[in-house]
Amino acid sequence: MKRPASLAACVLAALAVAGPAAVPAAAQEQSRSDQGEARREAQAGTQLSLREIERRILPQMRGSEYLGPAYDSTARAYRLKFIRDGRVTYIDVDARTGRVIGRSR
């Protein structure tokens, strides 16, 4: 007997099909706001640019596919997402120092 999919799995599948249009406008606006904040801080010299952080972290993740970054302006940290052998790994990096502050699998 086939087991019914969980509600979370159904929601994720629907979002994957619908694409970015399904993401609430408030979430999209917050993401743009965080990106702008990251850019302003890097230009002011108070934190490293995303490119600099990627230059430091990507070589440490050889064998993994880089899926992209997210920026948290409250924490002033980047979360870099990687996948390898079907497993996702998140690397959290302090944007001010470039130091890895967390790793999750």
PDB file of N, CA and C in Angstrom:
ATOM      1  N   MET A   1       0.838  -1.176   0.000  1.00  0.00           N
ATOM      2  CA  MET A   1       0.000   0.000   0.000  1.00  0.00           C
ATOM      3  C   MET A   1       0.882   1.237   0.000  1.00  0.00           C
ATOM      4  N   LYS A   2       0.570   2.173  -0.865  1.00  0.00           N
ATOM      5  CA  LYS A   2       1.364   3.394  -0.974  1.00  0.00           C
ATOM      6  C   LYS A   2       0.992   4.350   0.156  1.00  0.00           C
ATOM      7  N   ARG A   3       1.995   4.885   0.808  1.00  0.00           N
ATOM      8  CA  ARG A   3       1.796   5.788   1.938  1.00  0.00           C
ATOM      9  C   ARG A   3       1.513   7.201   1.423  1.00  0.00           C
ATOM     10  N   PRO A   4       0.502   7.892   1.982  1.00  0.00           N
ATOM     11  CA  PRO A   4       0.221   9.256   1.516  1.00  0.00           C
ATOM     12  C   PRO A   4       1.358  10.198   1.883  1.00  0.00           C
ATOM     13  N   ALA A   5       1.583  11.183   1.037  1.00  0.00           N
ATOM     14  CA  ALA A   5       2.634  12.167   1.278  1.00  0.00           C
ATOM     15  C   ALA A   5       2.240  13.069   2.444  1.00  0.00           C
ATOM     16  N   SER A   6       3.238  13.529   3.171  1.00  0.00           N
ATOM     17  CA  SER A   6       2.972  14.443   4.278  1.00  0.00           C
ATOM     18  C   SER A   6       2.552  15.804   3.727  1.00  0.00           C
ATOM     19  N   LEU A   7       1.894  16.590   4.565  1.00  0.00           N
ATOM     20  CA  LEU A   7       1.479  17.928   4.163  1.00  0.00           C
ATOM     21  C   LEU A   7       2.685  18.763   3.764  1.00  0.00           C
ATOM     22  N   ALA A   8       3.777  18.669   4.547  1.00  0.00           N
ATOM     23  CA  ALA A   8       4.986  19.443   4.238  1.00  0.00           C
ATOM     24  C   ALA A   8       5.536  19.061   2.869  1.00  0.00           C
ATOM     25  N   ALA A   9       5.547  17.772   2.562  1.00  0.00           N
ATOM     26  CA  ALA A   9       6.061  17.324   1.265  1.00  0.00           C
ATOM     27  C   ALA A   9       5.178  17.849   0.135  1.00  0.00           C
ATOM     28  N   CYS A  10       3.866  17.864   0.354  1.00  0.00           N
ATOM     29  CA  CYS A  10       2.950  18.391  -0.661  1.00  0.00           C
ATOM     30  C   CYS A  10       3.163  19.880  -0.885  1.00  0.00           C
ATOM     31  N   VAL A  11       3.352  20.627   0.211  1.00  0.00           N
ATOM     32  CA  VAL A  11       3.587  22.069   0.099  1.00  0.00           C
ATOM     33  C   VAL A  11       4.886  22.336  -0.638  1.00  0.00           C
ATOM     34  N   LEU A  12       5.944  21.607  -0.282  1.00  0.00           N
ATOM     35  CA  LEU A  12       7.232  21.798  -0.951  1.00  0.00           C
ATOM     36  C   LEU A  12       7.130  21.470  -2.430  1.00  0.00           C
ATOM     37  N   ALA A  13       6.421  20.415  -2.765  1.00  0.00           N
ATOM     38  CA  ALA A  13       6.257  20.053  -4.170  1.00  0.00           C
ATOM     39  C   ALA A  13       5.500  21.141  -4.921  1.00  0.00           C
ATOM     40  N   ALA A  14       4.463  21.686  -4.302  1.00  0.00           N
ATOM     41  CA  ALA A  14       3.697  22.750  -4.939  1.00  0.00           C
ATOM     42  C   ALA A  14       4.545  23.993  -5.148  1.00  0.00           C
ATOM     43  N   LEU A  15       5.364  24.336  -4.161  1.00  0.00           N
ATOM     44  CA  LEU A  15       6.244  25.498  -4.296  1.00  0.00           C
ATOM     45  C   LEU A  15       7.278  25.282  -5.391  1.00  0.00           C
ATOM     46  N   ALA A  16       7.791  24.066  -5.500  1.00  0.00           N
ATOM     47  CA  ALA A  16       8.778  23.772  -6.536  1.00  0.00           C
ATOM     48  C   ALA A  16       8.166  23.936  -7.922  1.00  0.00           C
ATOM     49  N   VAL A  17       6.923  23.525  -8.074  1.00  0.00           N
ATOM     50  CA  VAL A  17       6.244  23.648  -9.362  1.00  0.00           C
ATOM     51  C   VAL A  17       5.898  25.108  -9.650  1.00  0.00           C
ATOM     52  N   ALA A  18       5.428  25.827  -8.627  1.00  0.00           N
ATOM     53  CA  ALA A  18       4.996  27.211  -8.815  1.00  0.00           C
ATOM     54  C   ALA A  18       6.158  28.164  -8.994  1.00  0.00           C
ATOM     55  N   GLY A  19       7.306  27.835  -8.431  1.00  0.00           N
ATOM     56  CA  GLY A  19       8.491  28.678  -8.570  1.00  0.00           C
ATOM     57  C   GLY A  19       8.439  29.916  -7.698  1.00  0.00           C
ATOM     58  N   PRO A  20       9.240  30.940  -8.029  1.00  0.00           N
ATOM     59  CA  PRO A  20       9.361  32.135  -7.201  1.00  0.00           C
ATOM     60  C   PRO A  20       8.050  32.884  -7.003  1.00  0.00           C
ATOM     61  N   ALA A  21       7.100  32.732  -7.912  1.00  0.00           N
ATOM     62  CA  ALA A  21       5.833  33.443  -7.780  1.00  0.00           C
ATOM     63  C   ALA A  21       5.077  33.006  -6.528  1.00  0.00           C
ATOM     64  N   ALA A  22       5.362  31.791  -6.025  1.00  0.00           N
ATOM     65  CA  ALA A  22       4.672  31.281  -4.847  1.00  0.00           C
ATOM     66  C   ALA A  22       5.262  31.824  -3.553  1.00  0.00           C
ATOM     67  N   VAL A  23       6.437  32.409  -3.614  1.00  0.00           N
ATOM     68  CA  VAL A  23       7.061  32.959  -2.422  1.00  0.00           C
ATOM     69  C   VAL A  23       6.355  34.261  -2.072  1.00  0.00           C
ATOM     70  N   PRO A  24       5.908  34.403  -0.818  1.00  0.00           N
ATOM     71  CA  PRO A  24       5.189  35.621  -0.446  1.00  0.00           C
ATOM     72  C   PRO A  24       6.003  36.880  -0.747  1.00  0.00           C
ATOM     73  N   ALA A  25       5.299  37.929  -1.134  1.00  0.00           N
ATOM     74  CA  ALA A  25       5.952  39.194  -1.491  1.00  0.00           C
ATOM     75  C   ALA A  25       6.782  39.722  -0.333  1.00  0.00           C
ATOM     76  N   ALA A  26       6.318  39.552   0.896  1.00  0.00           N
ATOM     77  CA  ALA A  26       7.063  40.047   2.062  1.00  0.00           C
ATOM     78  C   ALA A  26       8.408  39.336   2.184  1.00  0.00           C
ATOM     79  N   ALA A  27       8.427  38.039   1.908  1.00  0.00           N
ATOM     80  CA  ALA A  27       9.689  37.287   1.983  1.00  0.00           C
ATOM     81  C   ALA A  27      10.638  37.737   0.886  1.00  0.00           C
ATOM     82  N   GLN A  28      10.110  37.985  -0.316  1.00  0.00           N
ATOM     83  CA  GLN A  28      10.955  38.460  -1.411  1.00  0.00           C
ATOM     84  C   GLN A  28      11.519  39.834  -1.073  1.00  0.00           C
ATOM     85  N   GLU A  29      10.686  40.699  -0.497  1.00  0.00           N
ATOM     86  CA  GLU A  29      11.129  42.046  -0.138  1.00  0.00           C
ATOM     87  C   GLU A  29      12.215  41.983   0.934  1.00  0.00           C
ATOM     88  N   GLN A  30      12.053  41.114   1.928  1.00  0.00           N
ATOM     89  CA  GLN A  30      13.063  40.978   2.982  1.00  0.00           C
ATOM     90  C   GLN A  30      14.379  40.495   2.397  1.00  0.00           C
ATOM     91  N   SER A  31      14.310  39.549   1.467  1.00  0.00           N
ATOM     92  CA  SER A  31      15.521  39.046   0.824  1.00  0.00           C
ATOM     93  C   SER A  31      16.244  40.167   0.083  1.00  0.00           C
ATOM     94  N   ARG A  32      15.497  40.974  -0.660  1.00  0.00           N
ATOM     95  CA  ARG A  32      16.117  42.099  -1.377  1.00  0.00           C
ATOM     96  C   ARG A  32      16.706  43.100  -0.397  1.00  0.00           C
ATOM     97  N   SER A  33      15.997  43.334   0.704  1.00  0.00           N
ATOM     98  CA  SER A  33      16.480  44.267   1.723  1.00  0.00           C
ATOM     99  C   SER A  33      17.787  43.762   2.336  1.00  0.00           C
ATOM    100  N   ASP A  34      17.839  42.464   2.646  1.00  0.00           N
ATOM    101  CA  ASP A  34      19.063  41.877   3.204  1.00  0.00           C
ATOM    102  C   ASP A  34      20.216  41.969   2.217  1.00  0.00           C
ATOM    103  N   GLN A  35      19.945  41.710   0.942  1.00  0.00           N
ATOM    104  CA  GLN A  35      20.986  41.783  -0.072  1.00  0.00           C
ATOM    105  C   GLN A  35      21.524  43.205  -0.192  1.00  0.00           C
ATOM    106  N   GLY A  36      20.633  44.178  -0.158  1.00  0.00           N
ATOM    107  CA  GLY A  36      21.052  45.577  -0.217  1.00  0.00           C
ATOM    108  C   GLY A  36      21.885  45.963   0.996  1.00  0.00           C
ATOM    109  N   GLU A  37      21.478  45.483   2.157  1.00  0.00           N
ATOM    110  CA  GLU A  37      22.224  45.748   3.391  1.00  0.00           C
ATOM    111  C   GLU A  37      23.628  45.145   3.294  1.00  0.00           C
ATOM    112  N   ALA A  38      23.721  43.920   2.800  1.00  0.00           N
ATOM    113  CA  ALA A  38      25.028  43.264   2.654  1.00  0.00           C
ATOM    114  C   ALA A  38      25.926  44.075   1.720  1.00  0.00           C
ATOM    115  N   ARG A  39      25.367  44.542   0.630  1.00  0.00           N
ATOM    116  CA  ARG A  39      26.134  45.328  -0.343  1.00  0.00           C
ATOM    117  C   ARG A  39      26.624  46.636   0.292  1.00  0.00           C
ATOM    118  N   ARG A  40      25.743  47.325   1.011  1.00  0.00           N
ATOM    119  CA  ARG A  40      26.133  48.591   1.656  1.00  0.00           C
ATOM    120  C   ARG A  40      27.235  48.379   2.698  1.00  0.00           C
ATOM    121  N   GLU A  41      27.116  47.323   3.490  1.00  0.00           N
ATOM    122  CA  GLU A  41      28.128  47.037   4.516  1.00  0.00           C
ATOM    123  C   GLU A  41      29.479  46.714   3.873  1.00  0.00           C
ATOM    124  N   ALA A  42      29.469  45.951   2.787  1.00  0.00           N
ATOM    125  CA  ALA A  42      30.719  45.612   2.101  1.00  0.00           C
ATOM    126  C   ALA A  42      31.352  46.864   1.505  1.00  0.00           C
ATOM    127  N   GLN A  43      30.537  47.738   0.906  1.00  0.00           N
ATOM    128  CA  GLN A  43      31.064  48.976   0.326  1.00  0.00           C
ATOM    129  C   GLN A  43      31.620  49.901   1.395  1.00  0.00           C
ATOM    130  N   ALA A  44      31.017  49.862   2.575  1.00  0.00           N
ATOM    131  CA  ALA A  44      31.493  50.697   3.683  1.00  0.00           C
ATOM    132  C   ALA A  44      32.740  50.109   4.337  1.00  0.00           C
ATOM    133  N   GLY A  45      33.072  48.873   3.993  1.00  0.00           N
ATOM    134  CA  GLY A  45      34.260  48.245   4.555  1.00  0.00           C
ATOM    135  C   GLY A  45      34.041  47.637   5.929  1.00  0.00           C
ATOM    136  N   THR A  46      32.780  47.504   6.353  1.00  0.00           N
ATOM    137  CA  THR A  46      32.513  46.936   7.672  1.00  0.00           C
ATOM    138  C   THR A  46      32.341  45.428   7.637  1.00  0.00           C
ATOM    139  N   GLN A  47      32.251  44.871   6.449  1.00  0.00           N
ATOM    140  CA  GLN A  47      32.199  43.421   6.322  1.00  0.00           C
ATOM    141  C   GLN A  47      32.718  43.016   4.948  1.00  0.00           C
ATOM    142  N   LEU A  48      32.969  41.723   4.815  1.00  0.00           N
ATOM    143  CA  LEU A  48      33.501  41.188   3.563  1.00  0.00           C
ATOM    144  C   LEU A  48      32.391  41.052   2.528  1.00  0.00           C
ATOM    145  N   SER A  49      32.757  41.146   1.278  1.00  0.00           N
ATOM    146  CA  SER A  49      31.784  40.941   0.210  1.00  0.00           C
ATOM    147  C   SER A  49      31.476  39.451   0.084  1.00  0.00           C
ATOM    148  N   LEU A  50      30.350  39.155  -0.526  1.00  0.00           N
ATOM    149  CA  LEU A  50      29.991  37.762  -0.777  1.00  0.00           C
ATOM    150  C   LEU A  50      31.079  37.088  -1.604  1.00  0.00           C
ATOM    151  N   ARG A  51      31.587  37.763  -2.606  1.00  0.00           N
ATOM    152  CA  ARG A  51      32.626  37.167  -3.466  1.00  0.00           C
ATOM    153  C   ARG A  51      33.873  36.792  -2.658  1.00  0.00           C
ATOM    154  N   GLU A  52      34.250  37.633  -1.713  1.00  0.00           N
ATOM    155  CA  GLU A  52      35.409  37.329  -0.868  1.00  0.00           C
ATOM    156  C   GLU A  52      35.132  36.114   0.014  1.00  0.00           C
ATOM    157  N   ILE A  53      33.946  36.050   0.569  1.00  0.00           N
ATOM    158  CA  ILE A  53      33.587  34.904   1.406  1.00  0.00           C
ATOM    159  C   ILE A  53      33.562  33.633   0.577  1.00  0.00           C
ATOM    160  N   GLU A  54      32.974  33.699  -0.614  1.00  0.00           N
ATOM    161  CA  GLU A  54      32.966  32.528  -1.497  1.00  0.00           C
ATOM    162  C   GLU A  54      34.388  32.117  -1.860  1.00  0.00           C
ATOM    163  N   ARG A  55      35.261  33.080  -2.111  1.00  0.00           N
ATOM    164  CA  ARG A  55      36.657  32.780  -2.461  1.00  0.00           C
ATOM    165  C   ARG A  55      37.337  31.996  -1.332  1.00  0.00           C
ATOM    166  N   ARG A  56      36.966  32.281  -0.103  1.00  0.00           N
ATOM    167  CA  ARG A  56      37.566  31.597   1.047  1.00  0.00           C
ATOM    168  C   ARG A  56      36.938  30.229   1.327  1.00  0.00           C
ATOM    169  N   ILE A  57      35.632  30.111   1.134  1.00  0.00           N
ATOM    170  CA  ILE A  57      34.915  28.908   1.556  1.00  0.00           C
ATOM    171  C   ILE A  57      34.838  27.837   0.471  1.00  0.00           C
ATOM    172  N   LEU A  58      34.603  28.216  -0.774  1.00  0.00           N
ATOM    173  CA  LEU A  58      34.409  27.222  -1.824  1.00  0.00           C
ATOM    174  C   LEU A  58      35.553  26.224  -1.953  1.00  0.00           C
ATOM    175  N   PRO A  59      36.825  26.644  -1.848  1.00  0.00           N
ATOM    176  CA  PRO A  59      37.902  25.646  -1.934  1.00  0.00           C
ATOM    177  C   PRO A  59      37.855  24.597  -0.813  1.00  0.00           C
ATOM    178  N   GLN A  60      37.264  24.944   0.315  1.00  0.00           N
ATOM    179  CA  GLN A  60      37.149  24.002   1.433  1.00  0.00           C
ATOM    180  C   GLN A  60      36.072  22.947   1.178  1.00  0.00           C
ATOM    181  N   MET A  61      35.215  23.194   0.179  1.00  0.00           N
ATOM    182  CA  MET A  61      34.080  22.308  -0.079  1.00  0.00           C
ATOM    183  C   MET A  61      34.250  21.544  -1.389  1.00  0.00           C
ATOM    184  N   ARG A  62      35.484  21.221  -1.741  1.00  0.00           N
ATOM    185  CA  ARG A  62      35.744  20.476  -2.973  1.00  0.00           C
ATOM    186  C   ARG A  62      34.919  19.198  -2.997  1.00  0.00           C
ATOM    187  N   GLY A  63      34.387  18.893  -4.166  1.00  0.00           N
ATOM    188  CA  GLY A  63      33.566  17.700  -4.328  1.00  0.00           C
ATOM    189  C   GLY A  63      32.086  17.954  -4.087  1.00  0.00           C
ATOM    190  N   SER A  64      31.760  19.142  -3.602  1.00  0.00           N
ATOM    191  CA  SER A  64      30.359  19.519  -3.375  1.00  0.00           C
ATOM    192  C   SER A  64      29.933  20.522  -4.433  1.00  0.00           C
ATOM    193  N   GLU A  65      28.660  20.497  -4.758  1.00  0.00           N
ATOM    194  CA  GLU A  65      28.108  21.481  -5.686  1.00  0.00           C
ATOM    195  C   GLU A  65      27.587  22.662  -4.873  1.00  0.00           C
ATOM    196  N   TYR A  66      27.985  23.854  -5.252  1.00  0.00           N
ATOM    197  CA  TYR A  66      27.559  25.081  -4.572  1.00  0.00           C
ATOM    198  C   TYR A  66      26.189  25.478  -5.102  1.00  0.00           C
ATOM    199  N   LEU A  67      25.210  25.586  -4.200  1.00  0.00           N
ATOM    200  CA  LEU A  67      23.850  25.914  -4.604  1.00  0.00           C
ATOM    201  C   LEU A  67      23.523  27.391  -4.435  1.00  0.00           C
ATOM    202  N   GLY A  68      24.316  28.117  -3.637  1.00  0.00           N
ATOM    203  CA  GLY A  68      24.095  29.544  -3.520  1.00  0.00           C
ATOM    204  C   GLY A  68      24.087  30.048  -2.090  1.00  0.00           C
ATOM    205  N   PRO A  69      24.028  31.387  -1.955  1.00  0.00           N
ATOM    206  CA  PRO A  69      24.093  32.019  -0.639  1.00  0.00           C
ATOM    207  C   PRO A  69      22.739  32.567  -0.182  1.00  0.00           C
ATOM    208  N   ALA A  70      22.666  32.840   1.099  1.00  0.00           N
ATOM    209  CA  ALA A  70      21.590  33.641   1.688  1.00  0.00           C
ATOM    210  C   ALA A  70      22.277  34.543   2.707  1.00  0.00           C
ATOM    211  N   TYR A  71      21.738  35.746   2.898  1.00  0.00           N
ATOM    212  CA  TYR A  71      22.329  36.692   3.844  1.00  0.00           C
ATOM    213  C   TYR A  71      21.321  37.024   4.924  1.00  0.00           C
ATOM    214  N   ASP A  72      21.760  37.023   6.163  1.00  0.00           N
ATOM    215  CA  ASP A  72      20.928  37.403   7.305  1.00  0.00           C
ATOM    216  C   ASP A  72      21.475  38.708   7.857  1.00  0.00           C
ATOM    217  N   SER A  73      20.753  39.813   7.613  1.00  0.00           N
ATOM    218  CA  SER A  73      21.258  41.119   8.036  1.00  0.00           C
ATOM    219  C   SER A  73      21.252  41.277   9.550  1.00  0.00           C
ATOM    220  N   THR A  74      20.368  40.578  10.241  1.00  0.00           N
ATOM    221  CA  THR A  74      20.334  40.662  11.705  1.00  0.00           C
ATOM    222  C   THR A  74      21.588  40.032  12.300  1.00  0.00           C
ATOM    223  N   ALA A  75      21.940  38.851  11.814  1.00  0.00           N
ATOM    224  CA  ALA A  75      23.127  38.147  12.311  1.00  0.00           C
ATOM    225  C   ALA A  75      24.401  38.615  11.630  1.00  0.00           C
ATOM    226  N   ARG A  76      24.246  39.348  10.524  1.00  0.00           N
ATOM    227  CA  ARG A  76      25.378  39.755   9.684  1.00  0.00           C
ATOM    228  C   ARG A  76      26.219  38.529   9.331  1.00  0.00           C
ATOM    229  N   ALA A  77      25.506  37.557   8.750  1.00  0.00           N
ATOM    230  CA  ALA A  77      26.135  36.292   8.393  1.00  0.00           C
ATOM    231  C   ALA A  77      25.579  35.784   7.074  1.00  0.00           C
ATOM    232  N   TYR A  78      26.429  35.091   6.348  1.00  0.00           N
ATOM    233  CA  TYR A  78      26.021  34.414   5.121  1.00  0.00           C
ATOM    234  C   TYR A  78      25.822  32.940   5.435  1.00  0.00           C
ATOM    235  N   ARG A  79      24.859  32.325   4.751  1.00  0.00           N
ATOM    236  CA  ARG A  79      24.673  30.882   4.797  1.00  0.00           C
ATOM    237  C   ARG A  79      24.891  30.390   3.380  1.00  0.00           C
ATOM    238  N   LEU A  80      25.930  29.596   3.185  1.00  0.00           N
ATOM    239  CA  LEU A  80      26.245  29.037   1.874  1.00  0.00           C
ATOM    240  C   LEU A  80      25.726  27.603   1.842  1.00  0.00           C
ATOM    241  N   LYS A  81      25.039  27.248   0.770  1.00  0.00           N
ATOM    242  CA  LYS A  81      24.397  25.944   0.659  1.00  0.00           C
ATOM    243  C   LYS A  81      25.125  25.090  -0.373  1.00  0.00           C
ATOM    244  N   PHE A  82      25.428  23.855   0.023  1.00  0.00           N
ATOM    245  CA  PHE A  82      26.141  22.901  -0.830  1.00  0.00           C
ATOM    246  C   PHE A  82      25.395  21.575  -0.824  1.00  0.00           C
ATOM    247  N   ILE A  83      25.620  20.782  -1.875  1.00  0.00           N
ATOM    248  CA  ILE A  83      25.072  19.430  -1.904  1.00  0.00           C
ATOM    249  C   ILE A  83      26.156  18.480  -2.410  1.00  0.00           C
ATOM    250  N   ARG A  84      26.202  17.305  -1.793  1.00  0.00           N
ATOM    251  CA  ARG A  84      27.157  16.271  -2.199  1.00  0.00           C
ATOM    252  C   ARG A  84      26.535  14.920  -1.869  1.00  0.00           C
ATOM    253  N   ASP A  85      26.502  14.056  -2.839  1.00  0.00           N
ATOM    254  CA  ASP A  85      25.932  12.713  -2.673  1.00  0.00           C
ATOM    255  C   ASP A  85      24.521  12.767  -2.092  1.00  0.00           C
ATOM    256  N   GLY A  86      23.739  13.751  -2.531  1.00  0.00           N
ATOM    257  CA  GLY A  86      22.358  13.855  -2.085  1.00  0.00           C
ATOM    258  C   GLY A  86      22.172  14.476  -0.713  1.00  0.00           C
ATOM    259  N   ARG A  87      23.252  14.893  -0.075  1.00  0.00           N
ATOM    260  CA  ARG A  87      23.164  15.496   1.263  1.00  0.00           C
ATOM    261  C   ARG A  87      23.468  16.981   1.182  1.00  0.00           C
ATOM    262  N   VAL A  88      22.612  17.775   1.795  1.00  0.00           N
ATOM    263  CA  VAL A  88      22.779  19.225   1.807  1.00  0.00           C
ATOM    264  C   VAL A  88      23.577  19.631   3.039  1.00  0.00           C
ATOM    265  N   THR A  89      24.518  20.536   2.844  1.00  0.00           N
ATOM    266  CA  THR A  89      25.311  21.092   3.941  1.00  0.00           C
ATOM    267  C   THR A  89      25.208  22.608   3.870  1.00  0.00           C
ATOM    268  N   TYR A  90      24.985  23.222   5.028  1.00  0.00           N
ATOM    269  CA  TYR A  90      24.957  24.674   5.140  1.00  0.00           C
ATOM    270  C   TYR A  90      26.199  25.117   5.907  1.00  0.00           C
ATOM    271  N   ILE A  91      26.886  26.108   5.378  1.00  0.00           N
ATOM    272  CA  ILE A  91      28.038  26.689   6.049  1.00  0.00           C
ATOM    273  C   ILE A  91      27.665  28.128   6.408  1.00  0.00           C
ATOM    274  N   ASP A  92      27.653  28.432   7.694  1.00  0.00           N
ATOM    275  CA  ASP A  92      27.342  29.783   8.159  1.00  0.00           C
ATOM    276  C   ASP A  92      28.652  30.527   8.383  1.00  0.00           C
ATOM    277  N   VAL A  93      28.745  31.735   7.818  1.00  0.00           N
ATOM    278  CA  VAL A  93      29.986  32.501   7.841  1.00  0.00           C
ATOM    279  C   VAL A  93      29.719  33.912   8.352  1.00  0.00           C
ATOM    280  N   ASP A  94      30.496  34.337   9.336  1.00  0.00           N
ATOM    281  CA  ASP A  94      30.405  35.706   9.850  1.00  0.00           C
ATOM    282  C   ASP A  94      30.855  36.648   8.739  1.00  0.00           C
ATOM    283  N   ALA A  95      29.984  37.550   8.336  1.00  0.00           N
ATOM    284  CA  ALA A  95      30.290  38.445   7.216  1.00  0.00           C
ATOM    285  C   ALA A  95      31.360  39.470   7.581  1.00  0.00           C
ATOM    286  N   ARG A  96      31.544  39.745   8.860  1.00  0.00           N
ATOM    287  CA  ARG A  96      32.548  40.734   9.259  1.00  0.00           C
ATOM    288  C   ARG A  96      33.953  40.166   9.226  1.00  0.00           C
ATOM    289  N   THR A  97      34.090  38.879   9.587  1.00  0.00           N
ATOM    290  CA  THR A  97      35.422  38.289   9.714  1.00  0.00           C
ATOM    291  C   THR A  97      35.730  37.216   8.679  1.00  0.00           C
ATOM    292  N   GLY A  98      34.691  36.631   8.081  1.00  0.00           N
ATOM    293  CA  GLY A  98      34.896  35.519   7.161  1.00  0.00           C
ATOM    294  C   GLY A  98      35.071  34.201   7.883  1.00  0.00           C
ATOM    295  N   ARG A  99      34.914  34.197   9.193  1.00  0.00           N
ATOM    296  CA  ARG A  99      35.094  32.988  10.001  1.00  0.00           C
ATOM    297  C   ARG A  99      33.848  32.105   9.913  1.00  0.00           C
ATOM    298  N   VAL A 100      34.047  30.782   9.761  1.00  0.00           N
ATOM    299  CA  VAL A 100      32.939  29.835   9.769  1.00  0.00           C
ATOM    300  C   VAL A 100      32.396  29.767  11.201  1.00  0.00           C
ATOM    301  N   ILE A 101      31.097  30.036  11.342  1.00  0.00           N
ATOM    302  CA  ILE A 101      30.487  30.034  12.679  1.00  0.00           C
ATOM    303  C   ILE A 101      29.501  28.887  12.861  1.00  0.00           C
ATOM    304  N   GLY A 102      29.266  28.142  11.800  1.00  0.00           N
ATOM    305  CA  GLY A 102      28.361  26.990  11.918  1.00  0.00           C
ATOM    306  C   GLY A 102      28.381  26.139  10.679  1.00  0.00           C
ATOM    307  N   ARG A 103      28.062  24.870  10.891  1.00  0.00           N
ATOM    308  CA  ARG A 103      27.983  23.895   9.793  1.00  0.00           C
ATOM    309  C   ARG A 103      26.878  22.935  10.151  1.00  0.00           C
ATOM    310  N   SER A 104      25.960  22.736   9.225  1.00  0.00           N
ATOM    311  CA  SER A 104      24.871  21.797   9.488  1.00  0.00           C
ATOM    312  C   SER A 104      24.699  20.884   8.304  1.00  0.00           C
ATOM    313  N   ARG A 105      24.236  19.686   8.584  1.00  0.00           N
ATOM    314  CA  ARG A 105      23.994  18.674   7.542  1.00  0.00           C
ATOM    315  C   ARG A 105      22.592  18.173   7.661  1.00  0.00           C
TER     316      ARG A 105
END
